[in-house]
């Protein structure tokens, strides 16, 4: 049974699972690459490239969990919420709100 029943409850957990800046940075790289591959696939109408979108996004994220954070990616238990949270974290980073969100979740932004 899943511990979190709502996305609002899941979000602070997700941030705590990404407590190290290097983990968040690698997620940012993977998310950016996934978006770039998606746009390139759509522009070129090379539909086979759509298969590379999740690989691009998850490769960096999962490696960061294995090598830096040393925890199990939330994707394995909460696949949809994890994807949504990853892009919420991405947008928060781009808009300068990530530090505030991390602090609310009990994570030191620079730790």
PDB file of N, CA and C in Angstrom:
ATOM      1  N   UNK A   1       0.838  -1.191   0.000  1.00  0.00           N
ATOM      2  CA  UNK A   1       0.000   0.000   0.000  1.00  0.00           C
ATOM      3  C   UNK A   1       0.876   1.245   0.000  1.00  0.00           C
ATOM      4  N   UNK A   2       0.448   2.222  -0.747  1.00  0.00           N
ATOM      5  CA  UNK A   2       1.189   3.469  -0.834  1.00  0.00           C
ATOM      6  C   UNK A   2       0.956   4.307   0.416  1.00  0.00           C
ATOM      7  N   UNK A   3       2.003   4.929   0.884  1.00  0.00           N
ATOM      8  CA  UNK A   3       1.921   5.738   2.100  1.00  0.00           C
ATOM      9  C   UNK A   3       1.226   7.074   1.852  1.00  0.00           C
ATOM     10  N   UNK A   4       1.459   7.670   0.700  1.00  0.00           N
ATOM     11  CA  UNK A   4       0.911   8.995   0.394  1.00  0.00           C
ATOM     12  C   UNK A   4      -0.332   8.864  -0.471  1.00  0.00           C
ATOM     13  N   UNK A   5      -1.397   9.474  -0.021  1.00  0.00           N
ATOM     14  CA  UNK A   5      -2.680   9.369  -0.714  1.00  0.00           C
ATOM     15  C   UNK A   5      -2.997  10.589  -1.568  1.00  0.00           C
ATOM     16  N   UNK A   6      -2.267  11.696  -1.346  1.00  0.00           N
ATOM     17  CA  UNK A   6      -2.488  12.912  -2.133  1.00  0.00           C
ATOM     18  C   UNK A   6      -1.146  13.443  -2.626  1.00  0.00           C
ATOM     19  N   UNK A   7      -1.177  14.182  -3.718  1.00  0.00           N
ATOM     20  CA  UNK A   7       0.041  14.786  -4.230  1.00  0.00           C
ATOM     21  C   UNK A   7       0.582  15.810  -3.234  1.00  0.00           C
ATOM     22  N   UNK A   8      -0.304  16.528  -2.569  1.00  0.00           N
ATOM     23  CA  UNK A   8       0.117  17.544  -1.603  1.00  0.00           C
ATOM     24  C   UNK A   8       0.934  16.913  -0.480  1.00  0.00           C
ATOM     25  N   UNK A   9       0.579  15.721  -0.056  1.00  0.00           N
ATOM     26  CA  UNK A   9       1.347  15.020   0.975  1.00  0.00           C
ATOM     27  C   UNK A   9       2.638  14.434   0.387  1.00  0.00           C
ATOM     28  N   UNK A  10       2.601  14.036  -0.863  1.00  0.00           N
ATOM     29  CA  UNK A  10       3.750  13.443  -1.526  1.00  0.00           C
ATOM     30  C   UNK A  10       4.852  14.461  -1.804  1.00  0.00           C
ATOM     31  N   UNK A  11       4.482  15.673  -2.149  1.00  0.00           N
ATOM     32  CA  UNK A  11       5.434  16.702  -2.581  1.00  0.00           C
ATOM     33  C   UNK A  11       6.566  16.936  -1.565  1.00  0.00           C
ATOM     34  N   UNK A  12       6.306  17.151  -0.275  1.00  0.00           N
ATOM     35  CA  UNK A  12       7.422  17.320   0.665  1.00  0.00           C
ATOM     36  C   UNK A  12       8.319  16.072   0.747  1.00  0.00           C
ATOM     37  N   UNK A  13       7.706  14.898   0.685  1.00  0.00           N
ATOM     38  CA  UNK A  13       8.476  13.649   0.670  1.00  0.00           C
ATOM     39  C   UNK A  13       9.410  13.631  -0.544  1.00  0.00           C
ATOM     40  N   UNK A  14       8.874  13.992  -1.702  1.00  0.00           N
ATOM     41  CA  UNK A  14       9.668  14.015  -2.929  1.00  0.00           C
ATOM     42  C   UNK A  14      10.875  14.927  -2.769  1.00  0.00           C
ATOM     43  N   UNK A  15      10.648  16.105  -2.202  1.00  0.00           N
ATOM     44  CA  UNK A  15      11.753  17.044  -2.011  1.00  0.00           C
ATOM     45  C   UNK A  15      12.787  16.501  -1.028  1.00  0.00           C
ATOM     46  N   UNK A  16      12.342  15.830   0.010  1.00  0.00           N
ATOM     47  CA  UNK A  16      13.283  15.247   0.975  1.00  0.00           C
ATOM     48  C   UNK A  16      14.111  14.131   0.329  1.00  0.00           C
ATOM     49  N   UNK A  17      13.525  13.430  -0.647  1.00  0.00           N
ATOM     50  CA  UNK A  17      14.255  12.394  -1.368  1.00  0.00           C
ATOM     51  C   UNK A  17      15.268  12.983  -2.356  1.00  0.00           C
ATOM     52  N   UNK A  18      15.239  14.302  -2.503  1.00  0.00           N
ATOM     53  CA  UNK A  18      16.159  15.020  -3.390  1.00  0.00           C
ATOM     54  C   UNK A  18      16.889  16.088  -2.570  1.00  0.00           C
ATOM     55  N   UNK A  19      17.402  15.678  -1.420  1.00  0.00           N
ATOM     56  CA  UNK A  19      17.965  16.639  -0.466  1.00  0.00           C
ATOM     57  C   UNK A  19      19.319  17.201  -0.898  1.00  0.00           C
ATOM     58  N   UNK A  20      20.030  16.497  -1.713  1.00  0.00           N
ATOM     59  CA  UNK A  20      21.363  16.964  -2.126  1.00  0.00           C
ATOM     60  C   UNK A  20      21.274  17.793  -3.408  1.00  0.00           C
ATOM     61  N   UNK A  21      21.944  18.942  -3.424  1.00  0.00           N
ATOM     62  CA  UNK A  21      21.907  19.790  -4.626  1.00  0.00           C
ATOM     63  C   UNK A  21      22.354  19.055  -5.889  1.00  0.00           C
ATOM     64  N   UNK A  22      23.343  18.179  -5.785  1.00  0.00           N
ATOM     65  CA  UNK A  22      23.813  17.466  -6.983  1.00  0.00           C
ATOM     66  C   UNK A  22      22.720  16.579  -7.568  1.00  0.00           C
ATOM     67  N   UNK A  23      21.912  15.978  -6.709  1.00  0.00           N
ATOM     68  CA  UNK A  23      20.792  15.165  -7.193  1.00  0.00           C
ATOM     69  C   UNK A  23      19.818  16.030  -7.968  1.00  0.00           C
ATOM     70  N   UNK A  24      19.475  17.168  -7.398  1.00  0.00           N
ATOM     71  CA  UNK A  24      18.539  18.085  -8.073  1.00  0.00           C
ATOM     72  C   UNK A  24      19.141  18.600  -9.377  1.00  0.00           C
ATOM     73  N   UNK A  25      20.441  18.858  -9.385  1.00  0.00           N
ATOM     74  CA  UNK A  25      21.090  19.334 -10.615  1.00  0.00           C
ATOM     75  C   UNK A  25      21.027  18.278 -11.721  1.00  0.00           C
ATOM     76  N   UNK A  26      21.268  17.015 -11.369  1.00  0.00           N
ATOM     77  CA  UNK A  26      21.200  15.959 -12.381  1.00  0.00           C
ATOM     78  C   UNK A  26      19.771  15.753 -12.868  1.00  0.00           C
ATOM     79  N   UNK A  27      18.793  15.935 -11.976  1.00  0.00           N
ATOM     80  CA  UNK A  27      17.395  15.880 -12.406  1.00  0.00           C
ATOM     81  C   UNK A  27      17.108  17.007 -13.397  1.00  0.00           C
ATOM     82  N   UNK A  28      17.650  18.188 -13.120  1.00  0.00           N
ATOM     83  CA  UNK A  28      17.461  19.330 -14.015  1.00  0.00           C
ATOM     84  C   UNK A  28      18.049  19.020 -15.393  1.00  0.00           C
ATOM     85  N   UNK A  29      19.233  18.433 -15.418  1.00  0.00           N
ATOM     86  CA  UNK A  29      19.860  18.057 -16.693  1.00  0.00           C
ATOM     87  C   UNK A  29      18.979  17.066 -17.445  1.00  0.00           C
ATOM     88  N   UNK A  30      18.523  16.021 -16.756  1.00  0.00           N
ATOM     89  CA  UNK A  30      17.693  15.012 -17.406  1.00  0.00           C
ATOM     90  C   UNK A  30      16.369  15.573 -17.899  1.00  0.00           C
ATOM     91  N   UNK A  31      15.737  16.408 -17.092  1.00  0.00           N
ATOM     92  CA  UNK A  31      14.454  17.002 -17.491  1.00  0.00           C
ATOM     93  C   UNK A  31      14.630  17.921 -18.696  1.00  0.00           C
ATOM     94  N   UNK A  32      15.700  18.703 -18.684  1.00  0.00           N
ATOM     95  CA  UNK A  32      15.971  19.602 -19.813  1.00  0.00           C
ATOM     96  C   UNK A  32      16.234  18.801 -21.077  1.00  0.00           C
ATOM     97  N   UNK A  33      17.046  17.778 -20.956  1.00  0.00           N
ATOM     98  CA  UNK A  33      17.346  16.935 -22.111  1.00  0.00           C
ATOM     99  C   UNK A  33      16.082  16.255 -22.644  1.00  0.00           C
ATOM    100  N   UNK A  34      15.241  15.763 -21.744  1.00  0.00           N
ATOM    101  CA  UNK A  34      13.994  15.118 -22.169  1.00  0.00           C
ATOM    102  C   UNK A  34      13.112  16.102 -22.929  1.00  0.00           C
ATOM    103  N   UNK A  35      13.008  17.325 -22.437  1.00  0.00           N
ATOM    104  CA  UNK A  35      12.203  18.344 -23.129  1.00  0.00           C
ATOM    105  C   UNK A  35      12.795  18.684 -24.494  1.00  0.00           C
ATOM    106  N   UNK A  36      14.115  18.794 -24.567  1.00  0.00           N
ATOM    107  CA  UNK A  36      14.760  19.098 -25.846  1.00  0.00           C
ATOM    108  C   UNK A  36      14.551  17.980 -26.861  1.00  0.00           C
ATOM    109  N   UNK A  37      14.672  16.737 -26.412  1.00  0.00           N
ATOM    110  CA  UNK A  37      14.443  15.596 -27.309  1.00  0.00           C
ATOM    111  C   UNK A  37      12.990  15.579 -27.770  1.00  0.00           C
ATOM    112  N   UNK A  38      12.063  15.866 -26.855  1.00  0.00           N
ATOM    113  CA  UNK A  38      10.645  15.911 -27.212  1.00  0.00           C
ATOM    114  C   UNK A  38      10.379  16.969 -28.273  1.00  0.00           C
ATOM    115  N   UNK A  39      10.893  18.159 -28.066  1.00  0.00           N
ATOM    116  CA  UNK A  39      10.690  19.241 -29.049  1.00  0.00           C
ATOM    117  C   UNK A  39      11.321  18.866 -30.381  1.00  0.00           C
ATOM    118  N   UNK A  40      12.535  18.330 -30.342  1.00  0.00           N
ATOM    119  CA  UNK A  40      13.211  17.936 -31.586  1.00  0.00           C
ATOM    120  C   UNK A  40      12.416  16.856 -32.324  1.00  0.00           C
ATOM    121  N   UNK A  41      11.887  15.887 -31.587  1.00  0.00           N
ATOM    122  CA  UNK A  41      11.080  14.829 -32.210  1.00  0.00           C
ATOM    123  C   UNK A  41       9.832  15.407 -32.871  1.00  0.00           C
ATOM    124  N   UNK A  42       9.194  16.352 -32.186  1.00  0.00           N
ATOM    125  CA  UNK A  42       7.982  16.953 -32.739  1.00  0.00           C
ATOM    126  C   UNK A  42       8.285  17.818 -33.960  1.00  0.00           C
ATOM    127  N   UNK A  43       9.354  18.598 -33.888  1.00  0.00           N
ATOM    128  CA  UNK A  43       9.710  19.484 -35.001  1.00  0.00           C
ATOM    129  C   UNK A  43      10.128  18.681 -36.228  1.00  0.00           C
ATOM    130  N   UNK A  44      10.909  17.645 -36.014  1.00  0.00           N
ATOM    131  CA  UNK A  44      11.400  16.849 -37.146  1.00  0.00           C
ATOM    132  C   UNK A  44      10.427  15.744 -37.546  1.00  0.00           C
ATOM    133  N   UNK A  45       9.402  15.552 -36.737  1.00  0.00           N
ATOM    134  CA  UNK A  45       8.429  14.477 -36.946  1.00  0.00           C
ATOM    135  C   UNK A  45       9.093  13.100 -37.019  1.00  0.00           C
ATOM    136  N   UNK A  46      10.151  12.981 -36.245  1.00  0.00           N
ATOM    137  CA  UNK A  46      10.836  11.705 -36.124  1.00  0.00           C
ATOM    138  C   UNK A  46      10.269  11.041 -34.871  1.00  0.00           C
ATOM    139  N   UNK A  47       9.218  10.290 -35.058  1.00  0.00           N
ATOM    140  CA  UNK A  47       8.465   9.735 -33.935  1.00  0.00           C
ATOM    141  C   UNK A  47       9.254   8.693 -33.142  1.00  0.00           C
ATOM    142  N   UNK A  48      10.249   8.109 -33.759  1.00  0.00           N
ATOM    143  CA  UNK A  48      11.088   7.149 -33.041  1.00  0.00           C
ATOM    144  C   UNK A  48      11.853   7.822 -31.903  1.00  0.00           C
ATOM    145  N   UNK A  49      12.134   9.104 -32.074  1.00  0.00           N
ATOM    146  CA  UNK A  49      12.840   9.834 -31.016  1.00  0.00           C
ATOM    147  C   UNK A  49      12.019   9.952 -29.735  1.00  0.00           C
ATOM    148  N   UNK A  50      10.714   9.791 -29.842  1.00  0.00           N
ATOM    149  CA  UNK A  50       9.873   9.861 -28.639  1.00  0.00           C
ATOM    150  C   UNK A  50      10.250   8.765 -27.643  1.00  0.00           C
ATOM    151  N   UNK A  51      10.805   7.674 -28.147  1.00  0.00           N
ATOM    152  CA  UNK A  51      11.256   6.603 -27.257  1.00  0.00           C
ATOM    153  C   UNK A  51      12.440   7.053 -26.390  1.00  0.00           C
ATOM    154  N   UNK A  52      13.183   8.030 -26.873  1.00  0.00           N
ATOM    155  CA  UNK A  52      14.354   8.526 -26.141  1.00  0.00           C
ATOM    156  C   UNK A  52      13.986   9.526 -25.047  1.00  0.00           C
ATOM    157  N   UNK A  53      12.768  10.052 -25.080  1.00  0.00           N
ATOM    158  CA  UNK A  53      12.375  11.064 -24.088  1.00  0.00           C
ATOM    159  C   UNK A  53      12.452  10.518 -22.661  1.00  0.00           C
ATOM    160  N   UNK A  54      11.795   9.410 -22.339  1.00  0.00           N
ATOM    161  CA  UNK A  54      11.908   8.926 -20.961  1.00  0.00           C
ATOM    162  C   UNK A  54      13.324   8.448 -20.615  1.00  0.00           C
ATOM    163  N   UNK A  55      14.032   7.917 -21.583  1.00  0.00           N
ATOM    164  CA  UNK A  55      15.411   7.483 -21.323  1.00  0.00           C
ATOM    165  C   UNK A  55      16.254   8.691 -20.933  1.00  0.00           C
ATOM    166  N   UNK A  56      16.131   9.771 -21.684  1.00  0.00           N
ATOM    167  CA  UNK A  56      16.896  10.987 -21.395  1.00  0.00           C
ATOM    168  C   UNK A  56      16.552  11.534 -20.011  1.00  0.00           C
ATOM    169  N   UNK A  57      15.291  11.550 -19.695  1.00  0.00           N
ATOM    170  CA  UNK A  57      14.875  12.104 -18.405  1.00  0.00           C
ATOM    171  C   UNK A  57      15.249  11.228 -17.235  1.00  0.00           C
ATOM    172  N   UNK A  58      14.985   9.950 -17.347  1.00  0.00           N
ATOM    173  CA  UNK A  58      15.183   9.067 -16.199  1.00  0.00           C
ATOM    174  C   UNK A  58      16.621   8.622 -16.008  1.00  0.00           C
ATOM    175  N   UNK A  59      17.415   8.559 -17.057  1.00  0.00           N
ATOM    176  CA  UNK A  59      18.792   8.104 -16.922  1.00  0.00           C
ATOM    177  C   UNK A  59      19.548   8.935 -15.885  1.00  0.00           C
ATOM    178  N   UNK A  60      19.523  10.250 -16.053  1.00  0.00           N
ATOM    179  CA  UNK A  60      20.243  11.134 -15.132  1.00  0.00           C
ATOM    180  C   UNK A  60      19.629  11.098 -13.740  1.00  0.00           C
ATOM    181  N   UNK A  61      18.307  11.057 -13.679  1.00  0.00           N
ATOM    182  CA  UNK A  61      17.629  11.036 -12.387  1.00  0.00           C
ATOM    183  C   UNK A  61      17.969   9.771 -11.611  1.00  0.00           C
ATOM    184  N   UNK A  62      17.850   8.631 -12.243  1.00  0.00           N
ATOM    185  CA  UNK A  62      18.089   7.370 -11.544  1.00  0.00           C
ATOM    186  C   UNK A  62      19.562   7.211 -11.165  1.00  0.00           C
ATOM    187  N   UNK A  63      20.450   7.659 -12.035  1.00  0.00           N
ATOM    188  CA  UNK A  63      21.869   7.609 -11.682  1.00  0.00           C
ATOM    189  C   UNK A  63      22.162   8.491 -10.471  1.00  0.00           C
ATOM    190  N   UNK A  64      21.518   9.642 -10.412  1.00  0.00           N
ATOM    191  CA  UNK A  64      21.758  10.531  -9.271  1.00  0.00           C
ATOM    192  C   UNK A  64      21.263   9.908  -7.970  1.00  0.00           C
ATOM    193  N   UNK A  65      20.171   9.172  -8.034  1.00  0.00           N
ATOM    194  CA  UNK A  65      19.687   8.503  -6.824  1.00  0.00           C
ATOM    195  C   UNK A  65      20.637   7.377  -6.405  1.00  0.00           C
ATOM    196  N   UNK A  66      21.153   6.657  -7.363  1.00  0.00           N
ATOM    197  CA  UNK A  66      22.056   5.541  -7.053  1.00  0.00           C
ATOM    198  C   UNK A  66      23.415   6.030  -6.557  1.00  0.00           C
ATOM    199  N   UNK A  67      23.961   7.061  -7.208  1.00  0.00           N
ATOM    200  CA  UNK A  67      25.339   7.462  -6.930  1.00  0.00           C
ATOM    201  C   UNK A  67      25.475   8.611  -5.943  1.00  0.00           C
ATOM    202  N   UNK A  68      24.475   9.458  -5.853  1.00  0.00           N
ATOM    203  CA  UNK A  68      24.587  10.655  -5.006  1.00  0.00           C
ATOM    204  C   UNK A  68      23.681  10.564  -3.792  1.00  0.00           C
ATOM    205  N   UNK A  69      22.409  10.415  -4.035  1.00  0.00           N
ATOM    206  CA  UNK A  69      21.428  10.420  -2.940  1.00  0.00           C
ATOM    207  C   UNK A  69      21.412   9.096  -2.182  1.00  0.00           C
ATOM    208  N   UNK A  70      21.716   8.020  -2.915  1.00  0.00           N
ATOM    209  CA  UNK A  70      21.737   6.657  -2.355  1.00  0.00           C
ATOM    210  C   UNK A  70      20.376   6.264  -1.762  1.00  0.00           C
ATOM    211  N   UNK A  71      19.353   6.500  -2.553  1.00  0.00           N
ATOM    212  CA  UNK A  71      18.010   6.068  -2.168  1.00  0.00           C
ATOM    213  C   UNK A  71      17.279   5.553  -3.400  1.00  0.00           C
ATOM    214  N   UNK A  72      16.142   4.961  -3.174  1.00  0.00           N
ATOM    215  CA  UNK A  72      15.336   4.400  -4.264  1.00  0.00           C
ATOM    216  C   UNK A  72      14.514   5.520  -4.888  1.00  0.00           C
ATOM    217  N   UNK A  73      14.555   5.674  -6.203  1.00  0.00           N
ATOM    218  CA  UNK A  73      13.759   6.717  -6.842  1.00  0.00           C
ATOM    219  C   UNK A  73      12.265   6.565  -6.530  1.00  0.00           C
ATOM    220  N   UNK A  74      11.617   7.684  -6.261  1.00  0.00           N
ATOM    221  CA  UNK A  74      10.183   7.697  -5.962  1.00  0.00           C
ATOM    222  C   UNK A  74       9.369   7.191  -7.150  1.00  0.00           C
ATOM    223  N   UNK A  75       9.962   7.223  -8.333  1.00  0.00           N
ATOM    224  CA  UNK A  75       9.288   6.766  -9.549  1.00  0.00           C
ATOM    225  C   UNK A  75       8.804   5.326  -9.431  1.00  0.00           C
ATOM    226  N   UNK A  76       9.548   4.510  -8.703  1.00  0.00           N
ATOM    227  CA  UNK A  76       9.207   3.095  -8.613  1.00  0.00           C
ATOM    228  C   UNK A  76       7.931   2.845  -7.819  1.00  0.00           C
ATOM    229  N   UNK A  77       7.608   3.743  -6.888  1.00  0.00           N
ATOM    230  CA  UNK A  77       6.406   3.580  -6.074  1.00  0.00           C
ATOM    231  C   UNK A  77       5.285   4.516  -6.516  1.00  0.00           C
ATOM    232  N   UNK A  78       5.654   5.703  -6.945  1.00  0.00           N
ATOM    233  CA  UNK A  78       4.678   6.735  -7.321  1.00  0.00           C
ATOM    234  C   UNK A  78       5.030   7.281  -8.714  1.00  0.00           C
ATOM    235  N   UNK A  79       4.846   6.496  -9.778  1.00  0.00           N
ATOM    236  CA  UNK A  79       5.323   6.916 -11.098  1.00  0.00           C
ATOM    237  C   UNK A  79       4.730   8.232 -11.608  1.00  0.00           C
ATOM    238  N   UNK A  80       3.426   8.396 -11.531  1.00  0.00           N
ATOM    239  CA  UNK A  80       2.828   9.619 -12.064  1.00  0.00           C
ATOM    240  C   UNK A  80       3.153  10.822 -11.191  1.00  0.00           C
ATOM    241  N   UNK A  81       2.988  10.677  -9.883  1.00  0.00           N
ATOM    242  CA  UNK A  81       3.286  11.794  -8.987  1.00  0.00           C
ATOM    243  C   UNK A  81       4.759  12.188  -9.062  1.00  0.00           C
ATOM    244  N   UNK A  82       5.612  11.208  -9.236  1.00  0.00           N
ATOM    245  CA  UNK A  82       7.033  11.493  -9.345  1.00  0.00           C
ATOM    246  C   UNK A  82       7.332  12.311 -10.596  1.00  0.00           C
ATOM    247  N   UNK A  83       6.713  11.955 -11.703  1.00  0.00           N
ATOM    248  CA  UNK A  83       6.899  12.716 -12.941  1.00  0.00           C
ATOM    249  C   UNK A  83       6.386  14.145 -12.780  1.00  0.00           C
ATOM    250  N   UNK A  84       5.208  14.287 -12.192  1.00  0.00           N
ATOM    251  CA  UNK A  84       4.636  15.621 -11.961  1.00  0.00           C
ATOM    252  C   UNK A  84       5.545  16.410 -11.022  1.00  0.00           C
ATOM    253  N   UNK A  85       6.006  15.763  -9.943  1.00  0.00           N
ATOM    254  CA  UNK A  85       6.860  16.442  -8.970  1.00  0.00           C
ATOM    255  C   UNK A  85       8.195  16.847  -9.579  1.00  0.00           C
ATOM    256  N   UNK A  86       8.713  16.021 -10.477  1.00  0.00           N
ATOM    257  CA  UNK A  86       9.979  16.355 -11.121  1.00  0.00           C
ATOM    258  C   UNK A  86       9.850  17.654 -11.906  1.00  0.00           C
ATOM    259  N   UNK A  87       8.768  17.795 -12.635  1.00  0.00           N
ATOM    260  CA  UNK A  87       8.596  19.028 -13.409  1.00  0.00           C
ATOM    261  C   UNK A  87       8.135  20.198 -12.544  1.00  0.00           C
ATOM    262  N   UNK A  88       7.471  19.909 -11.434  1.00  0.00           N
ATOM    263  CA  UNK A  88       7.176  20.986 -10.475  1.00  0.00           C
ATOM    264  C   UNK A  88       8.490  21.497  -9.885  1.00  0.00           C
ATOM    265  N   UNK A  89       9.387  20.584  -9.524  1.00  0.00           N
ATOM    266  CA  UNK A  89      10.692  20.978  -9.006  1.00  0.00           C
ATOM    267  C   UNK A  89      11.463  21.764 -10.068  1.00  0.00           C
ATOM    268  N   UNK A  90      11.361  21.344 -11.306  1.00  0.00           N
ATOM    269  CA  UNK A  90      12.019  22.007 -12.435  1.00  0.00           C
ATOM    270  C   UNK A  90      11.523  23.450 -12.573  1.00  0.00           C
ATOM    271  N   UNK A  91      10.201  23.619 -12.546  1.00  0.00           N
ATOM    272  CA  UNK A  91       9.613  24.958 -12.665  1.00  0.00           C
ATOM    273  C   UNK A  91       9.972  25.813 -11.455  1.00  0.00           C
ATOM    274  N   UNK A  92       9.945  25.215 -10.269  1.00  0.00           N
ATOM    275  CA  UNK A  92      10.325  25.962  -9.060  1.00  0.00           C
ATOM    276  C   UNK A  92      11.767  26.430  -9.155  1.00  0.00           C
ATOM    277  N   UNK A  93      12.650  25.588  -9.695  1.00  0.00           N
ATOM    278  CA  UNK A  93      14.038  25.977  -9.884  1.00  0.00           C
ATOM    279  C   UNK A  93      14.129  27.148 -10.858  1.00  0.00           C
ATOM    280  N   UNK A  94      13.440  27.046 -11.981  1.00  0.00           N
ATOM    281  CA  UNK A  94      13.499  28.096 -13.005  1.00  0.00           C
ATOM    282  C   UNK A  94      12.915  29.424 -12.523  1.00  0.00           C
ATOM    283  N   UNK A  95      11.942  29.364 -11.637  1.00  0.00           N
ATOM    284  CA  UNK A  95      11.273  30.582 -11.165  1.00  0.00           C
ATOM    285  C   UNK A  95      11.826  31.094  -9.834  1.00  0.00           C
ATOM    286  N   UNK A  96      12.842  30.424  -9.309  1.00  0.00           N
ATOM    287  CA  UNK A  96      13.453  30.869  -8.071  1.00  0.00           C
ATOM    288  C   UNK A  96      12.689  30.522  -6.806  1.00  0.00           C
ATOM    289  N   UNK A  97      11.733  29.616  -6.894  1.00  0.00           N
ATOM    290  CA  UNK A  97      10.928  29.249  -5.716  1.00  0.00           C
ATOM    291  C   UNK A  97      11.367  27.939  -5.072  1.00  0.00           C
ATOM    292  N   UNK A  98      12.371  27.279  -5.625  1.00  0.00           N
ATOM    293  CA  UNK A  98      12.741  25.969  -5.110  1.00  0.00           C
ATOM    294  C   UNK A  98      13.264  26.041  -3.678  1.00  0.00           C
ATOM    295  N   UNK A  99      14.072  27.044  -3.372  1.00  0.00           N
ATOM    296  CA  UNK A  99      14.602  27.175  -2.017  1.00  0.00           C
ATOM    297  C   UNK A  99      13.501  27.251  -0.975  1.00  0.00           C
ATOM    298  N   UNK A 100      12.477  28.017  -1.258  1.00  0.00           N
ATOM    299  CA  UNK A 100      11.342  28.148  -0.336  1.00  0.00           C
ATOM    300  C   UNK A 100      10.618  26.812  -0.171  1.00  0.00           C
ATOM    301  N   UNK A 101      10.404  26.104  -1.274  1.00  0.00           N
ATOM    302  CA  UNK A 101       9.734  24.803  -1.224  1.00  0.00           C
ATOM    303  C   UNK A 101      10.565  23.780  -0.442  1.00  0.00           C
ATOM    304  N   UNK A 102      11.875  23.809  -0.648  1.00  0.00           N
ATOM    305  CA  UNK A 102      12.754  22.896   0.082  1.00  0.00           C
ATOM    306  C   UNK A 102      12.697  23.178   1.585  1.00  0.00           C
ATOM    307  N   UNK A 103      12.744  24.433   1.952  1.00  0.00           N
ATOM    308  CA  UNK A 103      12.676  24.803   3.373  1.00  0.00           C
ATOM    309  C   UNK A 103      11.363  24.368   3.992  1.00  0.00           C
ATOM    310  N   UNK A 104      10.250  24.543   3.280  1.00  0.00           N
ATOM    311  CA  UNK A 104       8.956  24.084   3.805  1.00  0.00           C
ATOM    312  C   UNK A 104       8.947  22.580   4.016  1.00  0.00           C
ATOM    313  N   UNK A 105       9.708  21.851   3.205  1.00  0.00           N
ATOM    314  CA  UNK A 105       9.770  20.384   3.318  1.00  0.00           C
ATOM    315  C   UNK A 105      10.815  19.935   4.344  1.00  0.00           C
ATOM    316  N   UNK A 106      11.526  20.906   4.921  1.00  0.00           N
ATOM    317  CA  UNK A 106      12.539  20.566   5.921  1.00  0.00           C
ATOM    318  C   UNK A 106      13.892  20.224   5.347  1.00  0.00           C
ATOM    319  N   UNK A 107      14.154  20.686   4.119  1.00  0.00           N
ATOM    320  CA  UNK A 107      15.423  20.421   3.448  1.00  0.00           C
ATOM    321  C   UNK A 107      16.206  21.720   3.355  1.00  0.00           C
ATOM    322  N   UNK A 108      17.446  21.694   3.753  1.00  0.00           N
ATOM    323  CA  UNK A 108      18.314  22.854   3.591  1.00  0.00           C
ATOM    324  C   UNK A 108      18.704  22.946   2.118  1.00  0.00           C
ATOM    325  N   UNK A 109      18.376  24.054   1.434  1.00  0.00           N
ATOM    326  CA  UNK A 109      18.636  24.142  -0.011  1.00  0.00           C
ATOM    327  C   UNK A 109      20.081  23.891  -0.421  1.00  0.00           C
ATOM    328  N   UNK A 110      21.020  24.222   0.438  1.00  0.00           N
ATOM    329  CA  UNK A 110      22.420  24.066   0.064  1.00  0.00           C
ATOM    330  C   UNK A 110      23.097  22.855   0.648  1.00  0.00           C
ATOM    331  N   UNK A 111      22.333  21.989   1.320  1.00  0.00           N
ATOM    332  CA  UNK A 111      22.975  20.856   1.997  1.00  0.00           C
ATOM    333  C   UNK A 111      23.464  19.795   1.051  1.00  0.00           C
TER     334      UNK A 111
END
